[in-house]
Amino acid sequence: MAGDDITNAELARRLDSFRRDVHDDLADISRRMDAYVLREVYQAERVTTETRIAVLERRVEQGDEQRRAMTRWLISAVIIPVVAVVVTVFLNLQGPA
């Protein structure tokens, strides 16, 4: 099979083409690897995010508790006495029965 033989120049050209392809592929892989985040970094960021979310949830719960306490205080310290004064004034204005 004399047609299957290639010259040294053709072999050198093919090897050089192969080398360039491999070099380009490795450069592309390197660029893609730079875009990925290491598992340890991802897990550390995830733990940090979960911690921040837990802190925020606790703050929201505390805010809800403070709001409920303020509402109870408002009802007991302001609204009930005002209603009592209004009722007393109303009854005094009606006079003796």
PDB file of N, CA and C in Angstrom:
ATOM      1  N   MET A   1       0.819  -1.162   0.000  1.00  0.00           N
ATOM      2  CA  MET A   1       0.000   0.000   0.000  1.00  0.00           C
ATOM      3  C   MET A   1       0.876   1.244   0.000  1.00  0.00           C
ATOM      4  N   ALA A   2       1.296   1.565  -1.119  1.00  0.00           N
ATOM      5  CA  ALA A   2       2.185   2.700  -1.261  1.00  0.00           C
ATOM      6  C   ALA A   2       1.433   4.000  -1.098  1.00  0.00           C
ATOM      7  N   GLY A   3       0.109   4.016  -1.300  1.00  0.00           N
ATOM      8  CA  GLY A   3      -0.683   5.237  -1.188  1.00  0.00           C
ATOM      9  C   GLY A   3      -0.891   5.676   0.261  1.00  0.00           C
ATOM     10  N   ASP A   4      -0.694   4.781   1.226  1.00  0.00           N
ATOM     11  CA  ASP A   4      -0.910   5.106   2.636  1.00  0.00           C
ATOM     12  C   ASP A   4       0.321   5.726   3.273  1.00  0.00           C
ATOM     13  N   ASP A   5       1.457   5.661   2.631  1.00  0.00           N
ATOM     14  CA  ASP A   5       2.677   6.233   3.195  1.00  0.00           C
ATOM     15  C   ASP A   5       2.609   7.749   3.114  1.00  0.00           C
ATOM     16  N   ILE A   6       3.100   8.398   4.194  1.00  0.00           N
ATOM     17  CA  ILE A   6       3.144   9.860   4.182  1.00  0.00           C
ATOM     18  C   ILE A   6       4.599  10.285   4.302  1.00  0.00           C
ATOM     19  N   THR A   7       4.868  11.442   3.820  1.00  0.00           N
ATOM     20  CA  THR A   7       6.251  11.944   3.861  1.00  0.00           C
ATOM     21  C   THR A   7       6.552  12.483   5.249  1.00  0.00           C
ATOM     22  N   ASN A   8       7.811  12.664   5.511  1.00  0.00           N
ATOM     23  CA  ASN A   8       8.226  13.226   6.793  1.00  0.00           C
ATOM     24  C   ASN A   8       7.693  14.648   6.967  1.00  0.00           C
ATOM     25  N   ALA A   9       7.631  15.399   5.898  1.00  0.00           N
ATOM     26  CA  ALA A   9       7.122  16.760   5.971  1.00  0.00           C
ATOM     27  C   ALA A   9       5.633  16.758   6.339  1.00  0.00           C
ATOM     28  N   GLU A  10       4.892  15.836   5.717  1.00  0.00           N
ATOM     29  CA  GLU A  10       3.461  15.730   6.031  1.00  0.00           C
ATOM     30  C   GLU A  10       3.276  15.289   7.478  1.00  0.00           C
ATOM     31  N   LEU A  11       4.071  14.360   7.961  1.00  0.00           N
ATOM     32  CA  LEU A  11       4.016  13.897   9.346  1.00  0.00           C
ATOM     33  C   LEU A  11       4.332  15.051  10.299  1.00  0.00           C
ATOM     34  N   ALA A  12       5.329  15.829   9.977  1.00  0.00           N
ATOM     35  CA  ALA A  12       5.687  16.979  10.806  1.00  0.00           C
ATOM     36  C   ALA A  12       4.542  17.989  10.822  1.00  0.00           C
ATOM     37  N   ARG A  13       3.920  18.222   9.672  1.00  0.00           N
ATOM     38  CA  ARG A  13       2.802  19.156   9.609  1.00  0.00           C
ATOM     39  C   ARG A  13       1.636  18.653  10.454  1.00  0.00           C
ATOM     40  N   ARG A  14       1.318  17.382  10.364  1.00  0.00           N
ATOM     41  CA  ARG A  14       0.226  16.812  11.160  1.00  0.00           C
ATOM     42  C   ARG A  14       0.529  16.873  12.662  1.00  0.00           C
ATOM     43  N   LEU A  15       1.764  16.567  13.023  1.00  0.00           N
ATOM     44  CA  LEU A  15       2.153  16.630  14.435  1.00  0.00           C
ATOM     45  C   LEU A  15       2.053  18.067  14.958  1.00  0.00           C
ATOM     46  N   ASP A  16       2.492  19.021  14.124  1.00  0.00           N
ATOM     47  CA  ASP A  16       2.408  20.422  14.529  1.00  0.00           C
ATOM     48  C   ASP A  16       0.945  20.858  14.672  1.00  0.00           C
ATOM     49  N   SER A  17       0.081  20.412  13.766  1.00  0.00           N
ATOM     50  CA  SER A  17      -1.341  20.726  13.839  1.00  0.00           C
ATOM     51  C   SER A  17      -1.954  20.106  15.093  1.00  0.00           C
ATOM     52  N   PHE A  18      -1.584  18.861  15.371  1.00  0.00           N
ATOM     53  CA  PHE A  18      -2.076  18.174  16.574  1.00  0.00           C
ATOM     54  C   PHE A  18      -1.617  18.914  17.838  1.00  0.00           C
ATOM     55  N   ARG A  19      -0.353  19.344  17.842  1.00  0.00           N
ATOM     56  CA  ARG A  19       0.191  20.050  18.992  1.00  0.00           C
ATOM     57  C   ARG A  19      -0.572  21.355  19.223  1.00  0.00           C
ATOM     58  N   ARG A  20      -0.854  22.087  18.147  1.00  0.00           N
ATOM     59  CA  ARG A  20      -1.607  23.338  18.276  1.00  0.00           C
ATOM     60  C   ARG A  20      -3.027  23.075  18.780  1.00  0.00           C
ATOM     61  N   ASP A  21      -3.676  22.022  18.269  1.00  0.00           N
ATOM     62  CA  ASP A  21      -5.024  21.677  18.723  1.00  0.00           C
ATOM     63  C   ASP A  21      -5.036  21.354  20.220  1.00  0.00           C
ATOM     64  N   VAL A  22      -4.064  20.547  20.642  1.00  0.00           N
ATOM     65  CA  VAL A  22      -3.982  20.180  22.062  1.00  0.00           C
ATOM     66  C   VAL A  22      -3.711  21.425  22.911  1.00  0.00           C
ATOM     67  N   HIS A  23      -2.814  22.286  22.438  1.00  0.00           N
ATOM     68  CA  HIS A  23      -2.501  23.512  23.171  1.00  0.00           C
ATOM     69  C   HIS A  23      -3.739  24.398  23.287  1.00  0.00           C
ATOM     70  N   ASP A  24      -4.493  24.550  22.202  1.00  0.00           N
ATOM     71  CA  ASP A  24      -5.719  25.353  22.224  1.00  0.00           C
ATOM     72  C   ASP A  24      -6.764  24.743  23.154  1.00  0.00           C
ATOM     73  N   ASP A  25      -6.889  23.411  23.111  1.00  0.00           N
ATOM     74  CA  ASP A  25      -7.848  22.732  23.986  1.00  0.00           C
ATOM     75  C   ASP A  25      -7.474  22.925  25.456  1.00  0.00           C
ATOM     76  N   LEU A  26      -6.195  22.796  25.780  1.00  0.00           N
ATOM     77  CA  LEU A  26      -5.757  22.982  27.161  1.00  0.00           C
ATOM     78  C   LEU A  26      -5.967  24.432  27.613  1.00  0.00           C
ATOM     79  N   ALA A  27      -5.742  25.386  26.727  1.00  0.00           N
ATOM     80  CA  ALA A  27      -5.988  26.790  27.066  1.00  0.00           C
ATOM     81  C   ALA A  27      -7.474  27.018  27.315  1.00  0.00           C
ATOM     82  N   ASP A  28      -8.329  26.401  26.502  1.00  0.00           N
ATOM     83  CA  ASP A  28      -9.775  26.523  26.685  1.00  0.00           C
ATOM     84  C   ASP A  28     -10.203  25.892  28.006  1.00  0.00           C
ATOM     85  N   ILE A  29      -9.675  24.736  28.328  1.00  0.00           N
ATOM     86  CA  ILE A  29      -9.976  24.074  29.610  1.00  0.00           C
ATOM     87  C   ILE A  29      -9.530  24.953  30.761  1.00  0.00           C
ATOM     88  N   SER A  30      -8.363  25.548  30.645  1.00  0.00           N
ATOM     89  CA  SER A  30      -7.859  26.426  31.704  1.00  0.00           C
ATOM     90  C   SER A  30      -8.773  27.631  31.893  1.00  0.00           C
ATOM     91  N   ARG A  31      -9.231  28.224  30.801  1.00  0.00           N
ATOM     92  CA  ARG A  31     -10.160  29.358  30.908  1.00  0.00           C
ATOM     93  C   ARG A  31     -11.463  28.941  31.582  1.00  0.00           C
ATOM     94  N   ARG A  32     -11.961  27.785  31.235  1.00  0.00           N
ATOM     95  CA  ARG A  32     -13.206  27.311  31.835  1.00  0.00           C
ATOM     96  C   ARG A  32     -13.021  26.984  33.313  1.00  0.00           C
ATOM     97  N   MET A  33     -11.887  26.434  33.662  1.00  0.00           N
ATOM     98  CA  MET A  33     -11.620  26.098  35.068  1.00  0.00           C
ATOM     99  C   MET A  33     -11.550  27.358  35.931  1.00  0.00           C
ATOM    100  N   ASP A  34     -11.099  28.461  35.361  1.00  0.00           N
ATOM    101  CA  ASP A  34     -11.037  29.711  36.114  1.00  0.00           C
ATOM    102  C   ASP A  34     -12.432  30.226  36.464  1.00  0.00           C
ATOM    103  N   ALA A  35     -13.433  29.809  35.701  1.00  0.00           N
ATOM    104  CA  ALA A  35     -14.801  30.271  35.951  1.00  0.00           C
ATOM    105  C   ALA A  35     -15.480  29.461  37.050  1.00  0.00           C
ATOM    106  N   TYR A  36     -14.960  28.306  37.392  1.00  0.00           N
ATOM    107  CA  TYR A  36     -15.576  27.464  38.407  1.00  0.00           C
ATOM    108  C   TYR A  36     -15.122  27.871  39.794  1.00  0.00           C
ATOM    109  N   VAL A  37     -15.979  27.598  40.765  1.00  0.00           N
ATOM    110  CA  VAL A  37     -15.673  27.884  42.158  1.00  0.00           C
ATOM    111  C   VAL A  37     -15.311  26.562  42.835  1.00  0.00           C
ATOM    112  N   LEU A  38     -14.301  26.610  43.654  1.00  0.00           N
ATOM    113  CA  LEU A  38     -13.916  25.404  44.387  1.00  0.00           C
ATOM    114  C   LEU A  38     -15.038  24.989  45.333  1.00  0.00           C
ATOM    115  N   ARG A  39     -15.175  23.699  45.541  1.00  0.00           N
ATOM    116  CA  ARG A  39     -16.217  23.173  46.417  1.00  0.00           C
ATOM    117  C   ARG A  39     -16.111  23.769  47.818  1.00  0.00           C
ATOM    118  N   GLU A  40     -14.892  23.897  48.329  1.00  0.00           N
ATOM    119  CA  GLU A  40     -14.698  24.437  49.678  1.00  0.00           C
ATOM    120  C   GLU A  40     -15.176  25.891  49.763  1.00  0.00           C
ATOM    121  N   VAL A  41     -14.893  26.662  48.721  1.00  0.00           N
ATOM    122  CA  VAL A  41     -15.322  28.059  48.692  1.00  0.00           C
ATOM    123  C   VAL A  41     -16.841  28.129  48.610  1.00  0.00           C
ATOM    124  N   TYR A  42     -17.437  27.297  47.774  1.00  0.00           N
ATOM    125  CA  TYR A  42     -18.886  27.269  47.635  1.00  0.00           C
ATOM    126  C   TYR A  42     -19.546  26.910  48.962  1.00  0.00           C
ATOM    127  N   GLN A  43     -19.017  25.870  49.632  1.00  0.00           N
ATOM    128  CA  GLN A  43     -19.601  25.455  50.901  1.00  0.00           C
ATOM    129  C   GLN A  43     -19.440  26.529  51.967  1.00  0.00           C
ATOM    130  N   ALA A  44     -18.302  27.201  51.999  1.00  0.00           N
ATOM    131  CA  ALA A  44     -18.086  28.272  52.978  1.00  0.00           C
ATOM    132  C   ALA A  44     -19.059  29.421  52.727  1.00  0.00           C
ATOM    133  N   GLU A  45     -19.248  29.787  51.469  1.00  0.00           N
ATOM    134  CA  GLU A  45     -20.205  30.854  51.150  1.00  0.00           C
ATOM    135  C   GLU A  45     -21.625  30.436  51.487  1.00  0.00           C
ATOM    136  N   ARG A  46     -21.940  29.177  51.274  1.00  0.00           N
ATOM    137  CA  ARG A  46     -23.280  28.683  51.587  1.00  0.00           C
ATOM    138  C   ARG A  46     -23.534  28.716  53.092  1.00  0.00           C
ATOM    139  N   VAL A  47     -22.547  28.283  53.879  1.00  0.00           N
ATOM    140  CA  VAL A  47     -22.689  28.326  55.334  1.00  0.00           C
ATOM    141  C   VAL A  47     -22.857  29.766  55.799  1.00  0.00           C
ATOM    142  N   THR A  48     -22.076  30.676  55.233  1.00  0.00           N
ATOM    143  CA  THR A  48     -22.186  32.088  55.590  1.00  0.00           C
ATOM    144  C   THR A  48     -23.568  32.625  55.248  1.00  0.00           C
ATOM    145  N   THR A  49     -24.066  32.290  54.077  1.00  0.00           N
ATOM    146  CA  THR A  49     -25.395  32.756  53.660  1.00  0.00           C
ATOM    147  C   THR A  49     -26.478  32.192  54.576  1.00  0.00           C
ATOM    148  N   GLU A  50     -26.389  30.911  54.902  1.00  0.00           N
ATOM    149  CA  GLU A  50     -27.382  30.300  55.780  1.00  0.00           C
ATOM    150  C   GLU A  50     -27.338  30.928  57.165  1.00  0.00           C
ATOM    151  N   THR A  51     -26.148  31.255  57.644  1.00  0.00           N
ATOM    152  CA  THR A  51     -26.020  31.909  58.946  1.00  0.00           C
ATOM    153  C   THR A  51     -26.668  33.290  58.914  1.00  0.00           C
ATOM    154  N   ARG A  52     -26.393  34.048  57.848  1.00  0.00           N
ATOM    155  CA  ARG A  52     -26.993  35.382  57.722  1.00  0.00           C
ATOM    156  C   ARG A  52     -28.512  35.291  57.655  1.00  0.00           C
ATOM    157  N   ILE A  53     -29.033  34.309  56.927  1.00  0.00           N
ATOM    158  CA  ILE A  53     -30.486  34.137  56.824  1.00  0.00           C
ATOM    159  C   ILE A  53     -31.071  33.795  58.191  1.00  0.00           C
ATOM    160  N   ALA A  54     -30.402  32.927  58.942  1.00  0.00           N
ATOM    161  CA  ALA A  54     -30.890  32.556  60.278  1.00  0.00           C
ATOM    162  C   ALA A  54     -30.917  33.775  61.198  1.00  0.00           C
ATOM    163  N   VAL A  55     -29.883  34.614  61.125  1.00  0.00           N
ATOM    164  CA  VAL A  55     -29.845  35.833  61.944  1.00  0.00           C
ATOM    165  C   VAL A  55     -30.992  36.762  61.561  1.00  0.00           C
ATOM    166  N   LEU A  56     -31.211  36.930  60.260  1.00  0.00           N
ATOM    167  CA  LEU A  56     -32.306  37.784  59.803  1.00  0.00           C
ATOM    168  C   LEU A  56     -33.666  37.234  60.224  1.00  0.00           C
ATOM    169  N   GLU A  57     -33.839  35.925  60.178  1.00  0.00           N
ATOM    170  CA  GLU A  57     -35.097  35.328  60.613  1.00  0.00           C
ATOM    171  C   GLU A  57     -35.328  35.578  62.093  1.00  0.00           C
ATOM    172  N   ARG A  58     -34.260  35.443  62.901  1.00  0.00           N
ATOM    173  CA  ARG A  58     -34.387  35.730  64.333  1.00  0.00           C
ATOM    174  C   ARG A  58     -34.763  37.193  64.562  1.00  0.00           C
ATOM    175  N   ARG A  59     -34.167  38.092  63.798  1.00  0.00           N
ATOM    176  CA  ARG A  59     -34.496  39.516  63.946  1.00  0.00           C
ATOM    177  C   ARG A  59     -35.947  39.787  63.581  1.00  0.00           C
ATOM    178  N   VAL A  60     -36.433  39.138  62.538  1.00  0.00           N
ATOM    179  CA  VAL A  60     -37.832  39.311  62.141  1.00  0.00           C
ATOM    180  C   VAL A  60     -38.744  38.793  63.247  1.00  0.00           C
ATOM    181  N   GLU A  61     -38.424  37.639  63.808  1.00  0.00           N
ATOM    182  CA  GLU A  61     -39.232  37.090  64.897  1.00  0.00           C
ATOM    183  C   GLU A  61     -39.219  38.024  66.101  1.00  0.00           C
ATOM    184  N   GLN A  62     -38.051  38.566  66.441  1.00  0.00           N
ATOM    185  CA  GLN A  62     -37.974  39.500  67.562  1.00  0.00           C
ATOM    186  C   GLN A  62     -38.784  40.759  67.269  1.00  0.00           C
ATOM    187  N   GLY A  63     -38.734  41.234  66.014  1.00  0.00           N
ATOM    188  CA  GLY A  63     -39.530  42.399  65.632  1.00  0.00           C
ATOM    189  C   GLY A  63     -41.018  42.126  65.766  1.00  0.00           C
ATOM    190  N   ASP A  64     -41.438  40.913  65.381  1.00  0.00           N
ATOM    191  CA  ASP A  64     -42.846  40.541  65.526  1.00  0.00           C
ATOM    192  C   ASP A  64     -43.245  40.518  66.997  1.00  0.00           C
ATOM    193  N   GLU A  65     -42.370  39.960  67.828  1.00  0.00           N
ATOM    194  CA  GLU A  65     -42.653  39.909  69.260  1.00  0.00           C
ATOM    195  C   GLU A  65     -42.731  41.321  69.836  1.00  0.00           C
ATOM    196  N   GLN A  66     -41.834  42.205  69.425  1.00  0.00           N
ATOM    197  CA  GLN A  66     -41.871  43.586  69.913  1.00  0.00           C
ATOM    198  C   GLN A  66     -43.132  44.302  69.439  1.00  0.00           C
ATOM    199  N   ARG A  67     -43.538  44.036  68.215  1.00  0.00           N
ATOM    200  CA  ARG A  67     -44.761  44.646  67.690  1.00  0.00           C
ATOM    201  C   ARG A  67     -45.976  44.183  68.480  1.00  0.00           C
ATOM    202  N   ARG A  68     -46.033  42.877  68.781  1.00  0.00           N
ATOM    203  CA  ARG A  68     -47.148  42.368  69.586  1.00  0.00           C
ATOM    204  C   ARG A  68     -47.136  42.975  70.984  1.00  0.00           C
ATOM    205  N   ALA A  69     -45.950  43.080  71.573  1.00  0.00           N
ATOM    206  CA  ALA A  69     -45.844  43.684  72.907  1.00  0.00           C
ATOM    207  C   ALA A  69     -46.268  45.147  72.878  1.00  0.00           C
ATOM    208  N   MET A  70     -45.881  45.867  71.844  1.00  0.00           N
ATOM    209  CA  MET A  70     -46.262  47.277  71.712  1.00  0.00           C
ATOM    210  C   MET A  70     -47.767  47.407  71.532  1.00  0.00           C
ATOM    211  N   THR A  71     -48.360  46.506  70.770  1.00  0.00           N
ATOM    212  CA  THR A  71     -49.809  46.531  70.582  1.00  0.00           C
ATOM    213  C   THR A  71     -50.523  46.286  71.897  1.00  0.00           C
ATOM    214  N   ARG A  72     -50.058  45.280  72.654  1.00  0.00           N
ATOM    215  CA  ARG A  72     -50.659  45.006  73.968  1.00  0.00           C
ATOM    216  C   ARG A  72     -50.515  46.220  74.883  1.00  0.00           C
ATOM    217  N   TRP A  73     -49.348  46.842  74.879  1.00  0.00           N
ATOM    218  CA  TRP A  73     -49.118  48.016  75.718  1.00  0.00           C
ATOM    219  C   TRP A  73     -50.053  49.154  75.303  1.00  0.00           C
ATOM    220  N   LEU A  74     -50.163  49.350  74.000  1.00  0.00           N
ATOM    221  CA  LEU A  74     -51.027  50.420  73.501  1.00  0.00           C
ATOM    222  C   LEU A  74     -52.471  50.199  73.939  1.00  0.00           C
ATOM    223  N   ILE A  75     -52.930  48.973  73.847  1.00  0.00           N
ATOM    224  CA  ILE A  75     -54.311  48.669  74.247  1.00  0.00           C
ATOM    225  C   ILE A  75     -54.489  48.869  75.740  1.00  0.00           C
ATOM    226  N   SER A  76     -53.558  48.341  76.525  1.00  0.00           N
ATOM    227  CA  SER A  76     -53.734  48.403  77.975  1.00  0.00           C
ATOM    228  C   SER A  76     -53.418  49.770  78.566  1.00  0.00           C
ATOM    229  N   ALA A  77     -52.482  50.504  78.006  1.00  0.00           N
ATOM    230  CA  ALA A  77     -52.060  51.765  78.610  1.00  0.00           C
ATOM    231  C   ALA A  77     -52.732  52.986  78.006  1.00  0.00           C
ATOM    232  N   VAL A  78     -53.258  52.876  76.810  1.00  0.00           N
ATOM    233  CA  VAL A  78     -53.809  54.060  76.155  1.00  0.00           C
ATOM    234  C   VAL A  78     -55.294  53.891  75.845  1.00  0.00           C
ATOM    235  N   ILE A  79     -55.640  52.869  75.130  1.00  0.00           N
ATOM    236  CA  ILE A  79     -57.009  52.739  74.628  1.00  0.00           C
ATOM    237  C   ILE A  79     -58.002  52.477  75.762  1.00  0.00           C
ATOM    238  N   ILE A  80     -57.698  51.553  76.652  1.00  0.00           N
ATOM    239  CA  ILE A  80     -58.628  51.229  77.749  1.00  0.00           C
ATOM    240  C   ILE A  80     -58.849  52.450  78.649  1.00  0.00           C
ATOM    241  N   PRO A  81     -57.790  53.162  79.081  1.00  0.00           N
ATOM    242  CA  PRO A  81     -58.052  54.362  79.893  1.00  0.00           C
ATOM    243  C   PRO A  81     -58.851  55.428  79.139  1.00  0.00           C
ATOM    244  N   VAL A  82     -58.574  55.618  77.851  1.00  0.00           N
ATOM    245  CA  VAL A  82     -59.326  56.603  77.070  1.00  0.00           C
ATOM    246  C   VAL A  82     -60.792  56.207  77.013  1.00  0.00           C
ATOM    247  N   VAL A  83     -61.091  54.943  76.785  1.00  0.00           N
ATOM    248  CA  VAL A  83     -62.479  54.469  76.745  1.00  0.00           C
ATOM    249  C   VAL A  83     -63.123  54.668  78.117  1.00  0.00           C
ATOM    250  N   ALA A  84     -62.378  54.387  79.186  1.00  0.00           N
ATOM    251  CA  ALA A  84     -62.927  54.569  80.532  1.00  0.00           C
ATOM    252  C   ALA A  84     -63.259  56.040  80.791  1.00  0.00           C
ATOM    253  N   VAL A  85     -62.384  56.939  80.373  1.00  0.00           N
ATOM    254  CA  VAL A  85     -62.648  58.365  80.551  1.00  0.00           C
ATOM    255  C   VAL A  85     -63.860  58.787  79.731  1.00  0.00           C
ATOM    256  N   VAL A  86     -63.967  58.338  78.506  1.00  0.00           N
ATOM    257  CA  VAL A  86     -65.104  58.688  77.657  1.00  0.00           C
ATOM    258  C   VAL A  86     -66.397  58.173  78.271  1.00  0.00           C
ATOM    259  N   VAL A  87     -66.396  56.959  78.765  1.00  0.00           N
ATOM    260  CA  VAL A  87     -67.600  56.393  79.395  1.00  0.00           C
ATOM    261  C   VAL A  87     -67.951  57.195  80.644  1.00  0.00           C
ATOM    262  N   THR A  88     -66.958  57.538  81.460  1.00  0.00           N
ATOM    263  CA  THR A  88     -67.201  58.302  82.682  1.00  0.00           C
ATOM    264  C   THR A  88     -67.773  59.678  82.341  1.00  0.00           C
ATOM    265  N   VAL A  89     -67.212  60.351  81.394  1.00  0.00           N
ATOM    266  CA  VAL A  89     -67.696  61.667  80.959  1.00  0.00           C
ATOM    267  C   VAL A  89     -69.121  61.542  80.438  1.00  0.00           C
ATOM    268  N   PHE A  90     -69.368  60.541  79.627  1.00  0.00           N
ATOM    269  CA  PHE A  90     -70.710  60.315  79.057  1.00  0.00           C
ATOM    270  C   PHE A  90     -71.727  60.095  80.164  1.00  0.00           C
ATOM    271  N   LEU A  91     -71.361  59.261  81.154  1.00  0.00           N
ATOM    272  CA  LEU A  91     -72.292  58.994  82.262  1.00  0.00           C
ATOM    273  C   LEU A  91     -72.494  60.231  83.119  1.00  0.00           C
ATOM    274  N   ASN A  92     -71.455  61.036  83.336  1.00  0.00           N
ATOM    275  CA  ASN A  92     -71.588  62.257  84.127  1.00  0.00           C
ATOM    276  C   ASN A  92     -72.432  63.301  83.390  1.00  0.00           C
ATOM    277  N   LEU A  93     -72.348  63.325  82.072  1.00  0.00           N
ATOM    278  CA  LEU A  93     -73.141  64.285  81.307  1.00  0.00           C
ATOM    279  C   LEU A  93     -74.629  63.929  81.321  1.00  0.00           C
ATOM    280  N   GLN A  94     -74.957  62.686  81.482  1.00  0.00           N
ATOM    281  CA  GLN A  94     -76.359  62.268  81.503  1.00  0.00           C
ATOM    282  C   GLN A  94     -77.010  62.660  82.820  1.00  0.00           C
ATOM    283  N   GLY A  95     -76.209  62.838  83.829  1.00  0.00           N
ATOM    284  CA  GLY A  95     -76.752  63.266  85.117  1.00  0.00           C
ATOM    285  C   GLY A  95     -77.343  62.096  85.891  1.00  0.00           C
ATOM    286  N   PRO A  96     -77.923  62.421  87.089  1.00  0.00           N
ATOM    287  CA  PRO A  96     -78.492  61.348  87.904  1.00  0.00           C
ATOM    288  C   PRO A  96     -79.757  60.786  87.239  1.00  0.00           C
ATOM    289  N   ALA A  97     -79.865  59.520  87.354  1.00  0.00           N
ATOM    290  CA  ALA A  97     -80.994  58.861  86.707  1.00  0.00           C
ATOM    291  C   ALA A  97     -82.235  58.883  87.488  1.00  0.00           C
TER     292      ALA A  97
END
